[in-house]
C-alpha cells in the first residue's frame, strides 16, 4: 500500500514537472519556429504558428538582422552586454560588501539599515525611474551609458540574499581565528569569506545581470540616442515602427522575432556556463 502510494506520488510529481517544463519551453519553441519564417510565413503560413514552414529563412533573417540600418542591432546587442556586465559586476561587489558588513559587523544603526533594506525590496523598480531620472539629470548623466550602469549597480535583493547567505555559511569562529592570526578585515573577506560565498556570488551576479539585460523602462527614460539603446528598447522601437507603417512591417516583423531569439542566447550561455558553481556550492555544503 505504501509502495503504491509512493509510486503514485512520484507519478503525480513527474506529471506536474512535465507540464511546468512545457509551459516554460513553449514560448521559446515558438520563438525558434517564428525565427525561421519570413513575414508571409508568420502571418499567413499554411503550417500554423507552432510548426516550421517548407522554406527555412533563419539564415536570411540573421543576415538581414545584422545589416539592417547599418547594423544597429549589433550595436544594441553590444550595449546590452556592456550594461549587463557592468551592472552585474557592480551590483555583486556592492552586495558582497554590504551583505558581509550587515551580517558580521555590529555597528550603530545596523537594525535601521536592515529595516531600510527590507523596505526597499518592496518598492517596485518602475516607481524609482522618475526620481532616478531627476537625479541623473541634475548630475548631467542623461543619455550616457552611466545613466543605465549606475542605477543597475544597486540591488537591494542582492544585498539581502548575500546577508542571509553570509550568516549561514561563514561561521564567526573562522573570522575570529583569522583575526587572532593577524589577518586584516579585507584579507579575511577576500581570502576566508569570499571562497565560501561562491554560490551566492554567482546567484547575485546572474540575477543582477539578467535584471539589467531585461530592464526596459529605465533605458527608455534616460536614453535618447539610438546608438546607446539596449536590445530590449531597440526591438520595441522596431515593433512600434512596424505597427505604424505597414510597408515597413513586412520587413521588420521577421527581424523582431529573430532579434528576440538572438537576444536570449547570451543569457542561456551565462546560465549554462555558471551552473557548475551552484553544484560546487551544494557539494561544499554537503561536506560540511
C-alpha atoms as a PDB file:
ATOM      1  CA  UNK A   1       0.000   0.000   0.000  1.00  0.00           C
ATOM      2  CA  UNK A   2       2.761   2.418   0.934  1.00  0.00           C
ATOM      3  CA  UNK A   3       4.724   1.392  -2.143  1.00  0.00           C
ATOM      4  CA  UNK A   4       1.706   2.062  -4.364  1.00  0.00           C
ATOM      5  CA  UNK A   5       1.159   5.429  -2.700  1.00  0.00           C
ATOM      6  CA  UNK A   6       4.807   6.395  -3.170  1.00  0.00           C
ATOM      7  CA  UNK A   7       4.680   5.374  -6.835  1.00  0.00           C
ATOM      8  CA  UNK A   8       1.514   7.449  -7.351  1.00  0.00           C
ATOM      9  CA  UNK A   9       3.180  10.428  -5.681  1.00  0.00           C
ATOM     10  CA  UNK A  10       6.223  10.184  -7.929  1.00  0.00           C
ATOM     11  CA  UNK A  11       3.997   9.887 -10.991  1.00  0.00           C
ATOM     12  CA  UNK A  12       1.980  12.950  -9.991  1.00  0.00           C
ATOM     13  CA  UNK A  13       5.158  14.943  -9.303  1.00  0.00           C
ATOM     14  CA  UNK A  14       6.624  13.924 -12.668  1.00  0.00           C
ATOM     15  CA  UNK A  15       3.419  14.946 -14.429  1.00  0.00           C
ATOM     16  CA  UNK A  16       3.373  18.358 -12.746  1.00  0.00           C
ATOM     17  CA  UNK A  17       7.046  18.955 -13.565  1.00  0.00           C
ATOM     18  CA  UNK A  18       6.494  17.916 -17.175  1.00  0.00           C
ATOM     19  CA  UNK A  19       3.579  20.336 -17.529  1.00  0.00           C
ATOM     20  CA  UNK A  20       5.647  23.128 -15.993  1.00  0.00           C
ATOM     21  CA  UNK A  21       8.530  22.434 -18.394  1.00  0.00           C
ATOM     22  CA  UNK A  22       6.162  22.537 -21.359  1.00  0.00           C
ATOM     23  CA  UNK A  23       4.656  25.779 -20.063  1.00  0.00           C
ATOM     24  CA  UNK A  24       8.047  27.485 -19.843  1.00  0.00           C
ATOM     25  CA  UNK A  25       9.525  25.980 -23.019  1.00  0.00           C
ATOM     26  CA  UNK A  26       6.559  26.675 -25.294  1.00  0.00           C
ATOM     27  CA  UNK A  27       7.344  30.406 -25.791  1.00  0.00           C
ATOM     28  CA  UNK A  28      10.970  29.584 -26.574  1.00  0.00           C
ATOM     29  CA  UNK A  29       9.888  26.896 -29.022  1.00  0.00           C
ATOM     30  CA  UNK A  30       7.512  29.345 -30.733  1.00  0.00           C
ATOM     31  CA  UNK A  31      10.304  31.920 -30.957  1.00  0.00           C
ATOM     32  CA  UNK A  32      12.635  29.390 -32.603  1.00  0.00           C
ATOM     33  CA  UNK A  33       9.934  28.399 -35.099  1.00  0.00           C
ATOM     34  CA  UNK A  34       8.974  32.016 -35.843  1.00  0.00           C
ATOM     35  CA  UNK A  35      12.600  32.960 -36.453  1.00  0.00           C
ATOM     36  CA  UNK A  36      12.780  30.505 -39.348  1.00  0.00           C
ATOM     37  CA  UNK A  37       9.903  32.188 -41.235  1.00  0.00           C
ATOM     38  CA  UNK A  38       9.613  35.279 -43.356  1.00  0.00           C
ATOM     39  CA  UNK A  39       6.809  37.768 -42.871  1.00  0.00           C
ATOM     40  CA  UNK A  40       4.349  35.859 -45.036  1.00  0.00           C
ATOM     41  CA  UNK A  41       5.053  32.689 -43.082  1.00  0.00           C
ATOM     42  CA  UNK A  42       4.481  34.476 -39.780  1.00  0.00           C
ATOM     43  CA  UNK A  43       1.034  35.783 -40.646  1.00  0.00           C
ATOM     44  CA  UNK A  44      -0.247  33.567 -43.456  1.00  0.00           C
ATOM     45  CA  UNK A  45       1.740  30.358 -43.237  1.00  0.00           C
ATOM     46  CA  UNK A  46      -0.028  27.113 -44.074  1.00  0.00           C
ATOM     47  CA  UNK A  47       1.830  25.164 -41.357  1.00  0.00           C
ATOM     48  CA  UNK A  48       0.461  27.199 -38.465  1.00  0.00           C
ATOM     49  CA  UNK A  49       2.334  29.229 -35.850  1.00  0.00           C
ATOM     50  CA  UNK A  50       3.767  26.223 -33.972  1.00  0.00           C
ATOM     51  CA  UNK A  51       5.409  24.388 -36.836  1.00  0.00           C
ATOM     52  CA  UNK A  52       8.073  25.096 -39.438  1.00  0.00           C
ATOM     53  CA  UNK A  53       7.292  26.192 -42.980  1.00  0.00           C
ATOM     54  CA  UNK A  54       8.542  24.364 -46.015  1.00  0.00           C
ATOM     55  CA  UNK A  55      11.005  27.201 -46.580  1.00  0.00           C
ATOM     56  CA  UNK A  56      13.740  27.853 -43.995  1.00  0.00           C
ATOM     57  CA  UNK A  57      14.536  31.572 -43.645  1.00  0.00           C
ATOM     58  CA  UNK A  58      16.574  31.666 -40.439  1.00  0.00           C
ATOM     59  CA  UNK A  59      19.897  32.476 -42.093  1.00  0.00           C
ATOM     60  CA  UNK A  60      18.264  35.035 -44.362  1.00  0.00           C
ATOM     61  CA  UNK A  61      16.699  36.658 -41.306  1.00  0.00           C
ATOM     62  CA  UNK A  62      20.033  36.679 -39.487  1.00  0.00           C
ATOM     63  CA  UNK A  63      21.739  38.280 -42.476  1.00  0.00           C
ATOM     64  CA  UNK A  64      19.050  40.943 -42.711  1.00  0.00           C
ATOM     65  CA  UNK A  65      19.160  41.481 -38.952  1.00  0.00           C
ATOM     66  CA  UNK A  66      22.867  42.335 -38.799  1.00  0.00           C
ATOM     67  CA  UNK A  67      22.754  44.506 -41.933  1.00  0.00           C
ATOM     68  CA  UNK A  68      19.531  46.445 -41.367  1.00  0.00           C
ATOM     69  CA  UNK A  69      20.056  50.165 -40.638  1.00  0.00           C
ATOM     70  CA  UNK A  70      23.853  49.837 -40.845  1.00  0.00           C
ATOM     71  CA  UNK A  71      23.930  47.013 -38.313  1.00  0.00           C
ATOM     72  CA  UNK A  72      22.267  48.925 -35.481  1.00  0.00           C
ATOM     73  CA  UNK A  73      21.123  45.644 -33.894  1.00  0.00           C
ATOM     74  CA  UNK A  74      24.725  44.593 -33.231  1.00  0.00           C
ATOM     75  CA  UNK A  75      25.265  47.938 -31.525  1.00  0.00           C
ATOM     76  CA  UNK A  76      22.199  47.359 -29.360  1.00  0.00           C
ATOM     77  CA  UNK A  77      23.407  43.863 -28.504  1.00  0.00           C
ATOM     78  CA  UNK A  78      26.818  45.205 -27.533  1.00  0.00           C
ATOM     79  CA  UNK A  79      25.190  47.873 -25.374  1.00  0.00           C
ATOM     80  CA  UNK A  80      23.137  45.231 -23.569  1.00  0.00           C
ATOM     81  CA  UNK A  81      26.276  43.164 -22.945  1.00  0.00           C
ATOM     82  CA  UNK A  82      28.050  46.236 -21.551  1.00  0.00           C
ATOM     83  CA  UNK A  83      25.159  47.241 -19.313  1.00  0.00           C
ATOM     84  CA  UNK A  84      24.566  43.699 -18.059  1.00  0.00           C
ATOM     85  CA  UNK A  85      28.252  43.028 -17.383  1.00  0.00           C
ATOM     86  CA  UNK A  86      28.982  46.348 -15.668  1.00  0.00           C
ATOM     87  CA  UNK A  87      25.706  46.379 -13.750  1.00  0.00           C
ATOM     88  CA  UNK A  88      26.026  42.731 -12.716  1.00  0.00           C
ATOM     89  CA  UNK A  89      29.622  43.057 -11.515  1.00  0.00           C
ATOM     90  CA  UNK A  90      28.918  46.356  -9.746  1.00  0.00           C
ATOM     91  CA  UNK A  91      25.770  45.076  -8.042  1.00  0.00           C
ATOM     92  CA  UNK A  92      27.548  41.889  -6.959  1.00  0.00           C
ATOM     93  CA  UNK A  93      30.517  43.771  -5.495  1.00  0.00           C
ATOM     94  CA  UNK A  94      28.256  46.117  -3.551  1.00  0.00           C
ATOM     95  CA  UNK A  95      26.073  43.214  -2.404  1.00  0.00           C
ATOM     96  CA  UNK A  96      29.098  41.281  -1.098  1.00  0.00           C
ATOM     97  CA  UNK A  97      30.448  44.264   0.832  1.00  0.00           C
ATOM     98  CA  UNK A  98      27.094  45.391   2.221  1.00  0.00           C
ATOM     99  CA  UNK A  99      25.817  41.889   2.976  1.00  0.00           C
ATOM    100  CA  UNK A 100      29.031  40.885   4.724  1.00  0.00           C
ATOM    101  CA  UNK A 101      29.080  44.099   6.744  1.00  0.00           C
ATOM    102  CA  UNK A 102      25.447  43.759   7.854  1.00  0.00           C
ATOM    103  CA  UNK A 103      25.935  40.108   8.781  1.00  0.00           C
ATOM    104  CA  UNK A 104      29.284  40.177  10.570  1.00  0.00           C
ATOM    105  CA  UNK A 105      29.808  43.668  11.989  1.00  0.00           C
ATOM    106  CA  UNK A 106      27.952  45.141  14.953  1.00  0.00           C
ATOM    107  CA  UNK A 107      27.651  48.909  14.454  1.00  0.00           C
ATOM    108  CA  UNK A 108      25.261  51.672  15.420  1.00  0.00           C
ATOM    109  CA  UNK A 109      22.272  51.829  13.070  1.00  0.00           C
ATOM    110  CA  UNK A 110      22.585  48.240  11.947  1.00  0.00           C
ATOM    111  CA  UNK A 111      18.950  47.462  12.741  1.00  0.00           C
ATOM    112  CA  UNK A 112      17.747  50.607  10.974  1.00  0.00           C
ATOM    113  CA  UNK A 113      19.862  49.788   7.899  1.00  0.00           C
ATOM    114  CA  UNK A 114      18.411  46.280   7.812  1.00  0.00           C
ATOM    115  CA  UNK A 115      14.879  47.682   8.043  1.00  0.00           C
ATOM    116  CA  UNK A 116      15.554  50.128   5.212  1.00  0.00           C
ATOM    117  CA  UNK A 117      16.967  47.260   3.151  1.00  0.00           C
ATOM    118  CA  UNK A 118      13.850  45.154   3.654  1.00  0.00           C
ATOM    119  CA  UNK A 119      11.620  48.103   2.865  1.00  0.00           C
ATOM    120  CA  UNK A 120      13.489  48.904  -0.337  1.00  0.00           C
ATOM    121  CA  UNK A 121      12.885  45.380  -1.633  1.00  0.00           C
ATOM    122  CA  UNK A 122       9.138  46.001  -1.616  1.00  0.00           C
ATOM    123  CA  UNK A 123       9.384  49.154  -3.768  1.00  0.00           C
ATOM    124  CA  UNK A 124       8.751  48.434  -7.487  1.00  0.00           C
ATOM    125  CA  UNK A 125      11.691  49.411  -9.679  1.00  0.00           C
ATOM    126  CA  UNK A 126       9.392  51.278 -12.047  1.00  0.00           C
ATOM    127  CA  UNK A 127       8.399  53.614  -9.193  1.00  0.00           C
ATOM    128  CA  UNK A 128      12.041  54.703  -8.894  1.00  0.00           C
ATOM    129  CA  UNK A 129      12.541  55.577 -12.558  1.00  0.00           C
ATOM    130  CA  UNK A 130      11.300  59.175 -12.319  1.00  0.00           C
ATOM    131  CA  UNK A 131      13.351  60.038  -9.171  1.00  0.00           C
ATOM    132  CA  UNK A 132      16.336  58.344 -10.790  1.00  0.00           C
ATOM    133  CA  UNK A 133      15.813  60.392 -13.948  1.00  0.00           C
ATOM    134  CA  UNK A 134      15.716  63.629 -11.943  1.00  0.00           C
ATOM    135  CA  UNK A 135      18.873  62.685 -10.029  1.00  0.00           C
ATOM    136  CA  UNK A 136      20.774  61.706 -13.168  1.00  0.00           C
ATOM    137  CA  UNK A 137      19.586  64.824 -14.963  1.00  0.00           C
ATOM    138  CA  UNK A 138      20.925  67.047 -12.183  1.00  0.00           C
ATOM    139  CA  UNK A 139      24.252  65.234 -12.496  1.00  0.00           C
ATOM    140  CA  UNK A 140      24.337  65.660 -16.288  1.00  0.00           C
ATOM    141  CA  UNK A 141      24.348  61.925 -16.969  1.00  0.00           C
ATOM    142  CA  UNK A 142      21.206  61.647 -19.100  1.00  0.00           C
ATOM    143  CA  UNK A 143      21.801  59.939 -22.462  1.00  0.00           C
ATOM    144  CA  UNK A 144      25.080  58.374 -21.340  1.00  0.00           C
ATOM    145  CA  UNK A 145      25.974  54.787 -20.546  1.00  0.00           C
ATOM    146  CA  UNK A 146      26.314  55.733 -16.870  1.00  0.00           C
ATOM    147  CA  UNK A 147      22.605  56.537 -16.738  1.00  0.00           C
ATOM    148  CA  UNK A 148      21.957  52.798 -17.068  1.00  0.00           C
ATOM    149  CA  UNK A 149      25.040  51.351 -15.359  1.00  0.00           C
ATOM    150  CA  UNK A 150      24.978  53.322 -12.107  1.00  0.00           C
ATOM    151  CA  UNK A 151      21.350  52.550 -11.126  1.00  0.00           C
ATOM    152  CA  UNK A 152      21.910  48.906 -12.120  1.00  0.00           C
ATOM    153  CA  UNK A 153      24.706  48.617  -9.552  1.00  0.00           C
ATOM    154  CA  UNK A 154      22.208  48.920  -6.701  1.00  0.00           C
ATOM    155  CA  UNK A 155      20.401  45.675  -5.940  1.00  0.00           C
ATOM    156  CA  UNK A 156      18.590  45.540  -2.565  1.00  0.00           C
ATOM    157  CA  UNK A 157      17.523  41.944  -3.121  1.00  0.00           C
ATOM    158  CA  UNK A 158      21.153  41.058  -3.864  1.00  0.00           C
ATOM    159  CA  UNK A 159      22.298  42.629  -0.601  1.00  0.00           C
ATOM    160  CA  UNK A 160      19.570  40.795   1.303  1.00  0.00           C
ATOM    161  CA  UNK A 161      20.429  37.428  -0.236  1.00  0.00           C
ATOM    162  CA  UNK A 162      24.117  37.949   0.439  1.00  0.00           C
ATOM    163  CA  UNK A 163      23.483  38.915   4.060  1.00  0.00           C
ATOM    164  CA  UNK A 164      21.393  35.796   4.673  1.00  0.00           C
ATOM    165  CA  UNK A 165      23.963  33.561   2.996  1.00  0.00           C
ATOM    166  CA  UNK A 166      26.863  35.099   4.928  1.00  0.00           C
ATOM    167  CA  UNK A 167      25.077  34.493   8.225  1.00  0.00           C
ATOM    168  CA  UNK A 168      24.577  30.812   7.443  1.00  0.00           C
ATOM    169  CA  UNK A 169      27.804  29.987   5.585  1.00  0.00           C
ATOM    170  CA  UNK A 170      30.578  31.988   7.259  1.00  0.00           C
ATOM    171  CA  UNK A 171      30.991  30.915  10.921  1.00  0.00           C
ATOM    172  CA  UNK A 172      32.099  33.587  13.348  1.00  0.00           C
ATOM    173  CA  UNK A 173      34.729  31.186  14.679  1.00  0.00           C
ATOM    174  CA  UNK A 174      36.578  31.230  11.340  1.00  0.00           C
ATOM    175  CA  UNK A 175      36.618  35.026  11.301  1.00  0.00           C
ATOM    176  CA  UNK A 176      37.827  35.223  14.898  1.00  0.00           C
ATOM    177  CA  UNK A 177      40.579  32.676  14.190  1.00  0.00           C
ATOM    178  CA  UNK A 178      41.753  34.718  11.221  1.00  0.00           C
ATOM    179  CA  UNK A 179      41.815  37.857  13.354  1.00  0.00           C
ATOM    180  CA  UNK A 180      43.835  36.087  16.028  1.00  0.00           C
ATOM    181  CA  UNK A 181      46.324  35.068  13.342  1.00  0.00           C
ATOM    182  CA  UNK A 182      46.760  38.736  12.462  1.00  0.00           C
ATOM    183  CA  UNK A 183      44.706  38.927   9.262  1.00  0.00           C
ATOM    184  CA  UNK A 184      43.102  42.258   8.443  1.00  0.00           C
ATOM    185  CA  UNK A 185      39.423  42.671   7.642  1.00  0.00           C
ATOM    186  CA  UNK A 186      39.949  42.964   3.891  1.00  0.00           C
ATOM    187  CA  UNK A 187      42.131  39.854   3.848  1.00  0.00           C
ATOM    188  CA  UNK A 188      39.537  37.948   5.867  1.00  0.00           C
ATOM    189  CA  UNK A 189      36.838  38.960   3.401  1.00  0.00           C
ATOM    190  CA  UNK A 190      38.842  38.106   0.287  1.00  0.00           C
ATOM    191  CA  UNK A 191      40.728  35.023   1.477  1.00  0.00           C
ATOM    192  CA  UNK A 192      38.385  33.458   4.047  1.00  0.00           C
ATOM    193  CA  UNK A 193      34.806  34.527   3.467  1.00  0.00           C
ATOM    194  CA  UNK A 194      34.658  35.019  -0.303  1.00  0.00           C
ATOM    195  CA  UNK A 195      35.533  31.406  -1.246  1.00  0.00           C
ATOM    196  CA  UNK A 196      32.656  30.236   0.961  1.00  0.00           C
ATOM    197  CA  UNK A 197      30.293  32.676  -0.741  1.00  0.00           C
ATOM    198  CA  UNK A 198      30.861  31.468  -4.297  1.00  0.00           C
ATOM    199  CA  UNK A 199      27.322  30.088  -4.883  1.00  0.00           C
ATOM    200  CA  UNK A 200      25.756  33.275  -3.512  1.00  0.00           C
ATOM    201  CA  UNK A 201      28.088  35.468  -5.564  1.00  0.00           C
ATOM    202  CA  UNK A 202      27.168  33.624  -8.758  1.00  0.00           C
ATOM    203  CA  UNK A 203      23.476  33.818  -7.888  1.00  0.00           C
ATOM    204  CA  UNK A 204      23.551  37.567  -7.275  1.00  0.00           C
ATOM    205  CA  UNK A 205      25.674  38.090 -10.379  1.00  0.00           C
ATOM    206  CA  UNK A 206      23.212  36.233 -12.586  1.00  0.00           C
ATOM    207  CA  UNK A 207      20.154  37.875 -11.053  1.00  0.00           C
ATOM    208  CA  UNK A 208      21.669  41.329 -11.427  1.00  0.00           C
ATOM    209  CA  UNK A 209      22.938  40.740 -14.956  1.00  0.00           C
ATOM    210  CA  UNK A 210      19.637  39.263 -16.134  1.00  0.00           C
ATOM    211  CA  UNK A 211      17.702  42.072 -14.471  1.00  0.00           C
ATOM    212  CA  UNK A 212      19.850  44.676 -16.210  1.00  0.00           C
ATOM    213  CA  UNK A 213      19.625  42.831 -19.528  1.00  0.00           C
ATOM    214  CA  UNK A 214      15.820  42.706 -19.345  1.00  0.00           C
ATOM    215  CA  UNK A 215      15.462  46.236 -17.992  1.00  0.00           C
ATOM    216  CA  UNK A 216      13.228  48.241 -20.284  1.00  0.00           C
ATOM    217  CA  UNK A 217      11.695  51.216 -18.526  1.00  0.00           C
ATOM    218  CA  UNK A 218      14.926  52.776 -17.188  1.00  0.00           C
ATOM    219  CA  UNK A 219      16.810  52.845 -20.543  1.00  0.00           C
ATOM    220  CA  UNK A 220      13.644  54.069 -22.231  1.00  0.00           C
ATOM    221  CA  UNK A 221      13.506  57.022 -19.824  1.00  0.00           C
ATOM    222  CA  UNK A 222      17.181  58.025 -19.650  1.00  0.00           C
ATOM    223  CA  UNK A 223      18.432  57.290 -23.186  1.00  0.00           C
ATOM    224  CA  UNK A 224      17.522  59.197 -26.320  1.00  0.00           C
ATOM    225  CA  UNK A 225      20.293  58.315 -28.740  1.00  0.00           C
ATOM    226  CA  UNK A 226      19.601  55.157 -30.821  1.00  0.00           C
ATOM    227  CA  UNK A 227      23.287  54.217 -30.595  1.00  0.00           C
ATOM    228  CA  UNK A 228      23.047  53.846 -26.802  1.00  0.00           C
ATOM    229  CA  UNK A 229      19.855  51.788 -26.599  1.00  0.00           C
ATOM    230  CA  UNK A 230      19.902  48.199 -25.293  1.00  0.00           C
ATOM    231  CA  UNK A 231      18.370  45.456 -27.372  1.00  0.00           C
ATOM    232  CA  UNK A 232      15.094  45.461 -25.406  1.00  0.00           C
ATOM    233  CA  UNK A 233      14.302  49.104 -26.171  1.00  0.00           C
ATOM    234  CA  UNK A 234      15.624  48.825 -29.714  1.00  0.00           C
ATOM    235  CA  UNK A 235      13.355  45.912 -30.585  1.00  0.00           C
ATOM    236  CA  UNK A 236      10.406  47.746 -29.075  1.00  0.00           C
ATOM    237  CA  UNK A 237      11.186  50.667 -31.372  1.00  0.00           C
ATOM    238  CA  UNK A 238      11.124  48.339 -34.366  1.00  0.00           C
ATOM    239  CA  UNK A 239       7.818  46.934 -33.168  1.00  0.00           C
ATOM    240  CA  UNK A 240       6.332  50.410 -32.921  1.00  0.00           C
ATOM    241  CA  UNK A 241       7.670  51.238 -36.355  1.00  0.00           C
ATOM    242  CA  UNK A 242       6.186  48.051 -37.792  1.00  0.00           C
ATOM    243  CA  UNK A 243       2.797  48.657 -36.208  1.00  0.00           C
ATOM    244  CA  UNK A 244       2.690  52.215 -37.517  1.00  0.00           C
ATOM    245  CA  UNK A 245       3.886  51.560 -41.058  1.00  0.00           C
ATOM    246  CA  UNK A 246       2.502  48.614 -42.998  1.00  0.00           C
ATOM    247  CA  UNK A 247       5.206  48.872 -45.630  1.00  0.00           C
ATOM    248  CA  UNK A 248       7.985  48.603 -43.030  1.00  0.00           C
ATOM    249  CA  UNK A 249       6.182  45.909 -41.092  1.00  0.00           C
ATOM    250  CA  UNK A 250       6.641  43.423 -43.917  1.00  0.00           C
ATOM    251  CA  UNK A 251      10.362  43.541 -43.304  1.00  0.00           C
ATOM    252  CA  UNK A 252      10.647  44.233 -39.606  1.00  0.00           C
ATOM    253  CA  UNK A 253       8.430  41.555 -38.040  1.00  0.00           C
ATOM    254  CA  UNK A 254      10.752  38.763 -39.123  1.00  0.00           C
ATOM    255  CA  UNK A 255      13.706  40.807 -37.839  1.00  0.00           C
ATOM    256  CA  UNK A 256      11.970  41.355 -34.489  1.00  0.00           C
ATOM    257  CA  UNK A 257      11.394  37.641 -33.912  1.00  0.00           C
ATOM    258  CA  UNK A 258      14.915  36.746 -34.995  1.00  0.00           C
ATOM    259  CA  UNK A 259      16.396  39.540 -32.897  1.00  0.00           C
ATOM    260  CA  UNK A 260      14.415  38.332 -29.874  1.00  0.00           C
ATOM    261  CA  UNK A 261      15.808  34.834 -30.345  1.00  0.00           C
ATOM    262  CA  UNK A 262      19.377  36.098 -30.630  1.00  0.00           C
ATOM    263  CA  UNK A 263      18.921  38.282 -27.539  1.00  0.00           C
ATOM    264  CA  UNK A 264      18.265  35.287 -25.255  1.00  0.00           C
ATOM    265  CA  UNK A 265      21.338  33.344 -26.424  1.00  0.00           C
ATOM    266  CA  UNK A 266      23.799  35.226 -24.131  1.00  0.00           C
ATOM    267  CA  UNK A 267      21.557  34.560 -21.132  1.00  0.00           C
ATOM    268  CA  UNK A 268      21.369  30.849 -21.912  1.00  0.00           C
ATOM    269  CA  UNK A 269      25.146  30.697 -22.299  1.00  0.00           C
ATOM    270  CA  UNK A 270      25.640  32.516 -18.994  1.00  0.00           C
ATOM    271  CA  UNK A 271      23.381  30.131 -17.078  1.00  0.00           C
ATOM    272  CA  UNK A 272      24.887  27.012 -18.638  1.00  0.00           C
ATOM    273  CA  UNK A 273      28.461  28.141 -18.049  1.00  0.00           C
ATOM    274  CA  UNK A 274      27.914  29.210 -14.420  1.00  0.00           C
ATOM    275  CA  UNK A 275      25.705  26.385 -13.176  1.00  0.00           C
ATOM    276  CA  UNK A 276      28.738  24.340 -12.153  1.00  0.00           C
ATOM    277  CA  UNK A 277      29.401  26.843  -9.371  1.00  0.00           C
ATOM    278  CA  UNK A 278      25.987  26.063  -7.878  1.00  0.00           C
ATOM    279  CA  UNK A 279      26.765  22.355  -7.957  1.00  0.00           C
ATOM    280  CA  UNK A 280      30.100  23.072  -6.326  1.00  0.00           C
ATOM    281  CA  UNK A 281      28.395  25.078  -3.596  1.00  0.00           C
ATOM    282  CA  UNK A 282      25.917  22.285  -2.904  1.00  0.00           C
ATOM    283  CA  UNK A 283      28.737  19.734  -2.663  1.00  0.00           C
ATOM    284  CA  UNK A 284      30.632  22.025  -0.297  1.00  0.00           C
ATOM    285  CA  UNK A 285      27.578  22.279   1.925  1.00  0.00           C
ATOM    286  CA  UNK A 286      27.162  18.505   1.919  1.00  0.00           C
ATOM    287  CA  UNK A 287      30.779  18.023   3.014  1.00  0.00           C
ATOM    288  CA  UNK A 288      30.267  20.456   5.878  1.00  0.00           C
END
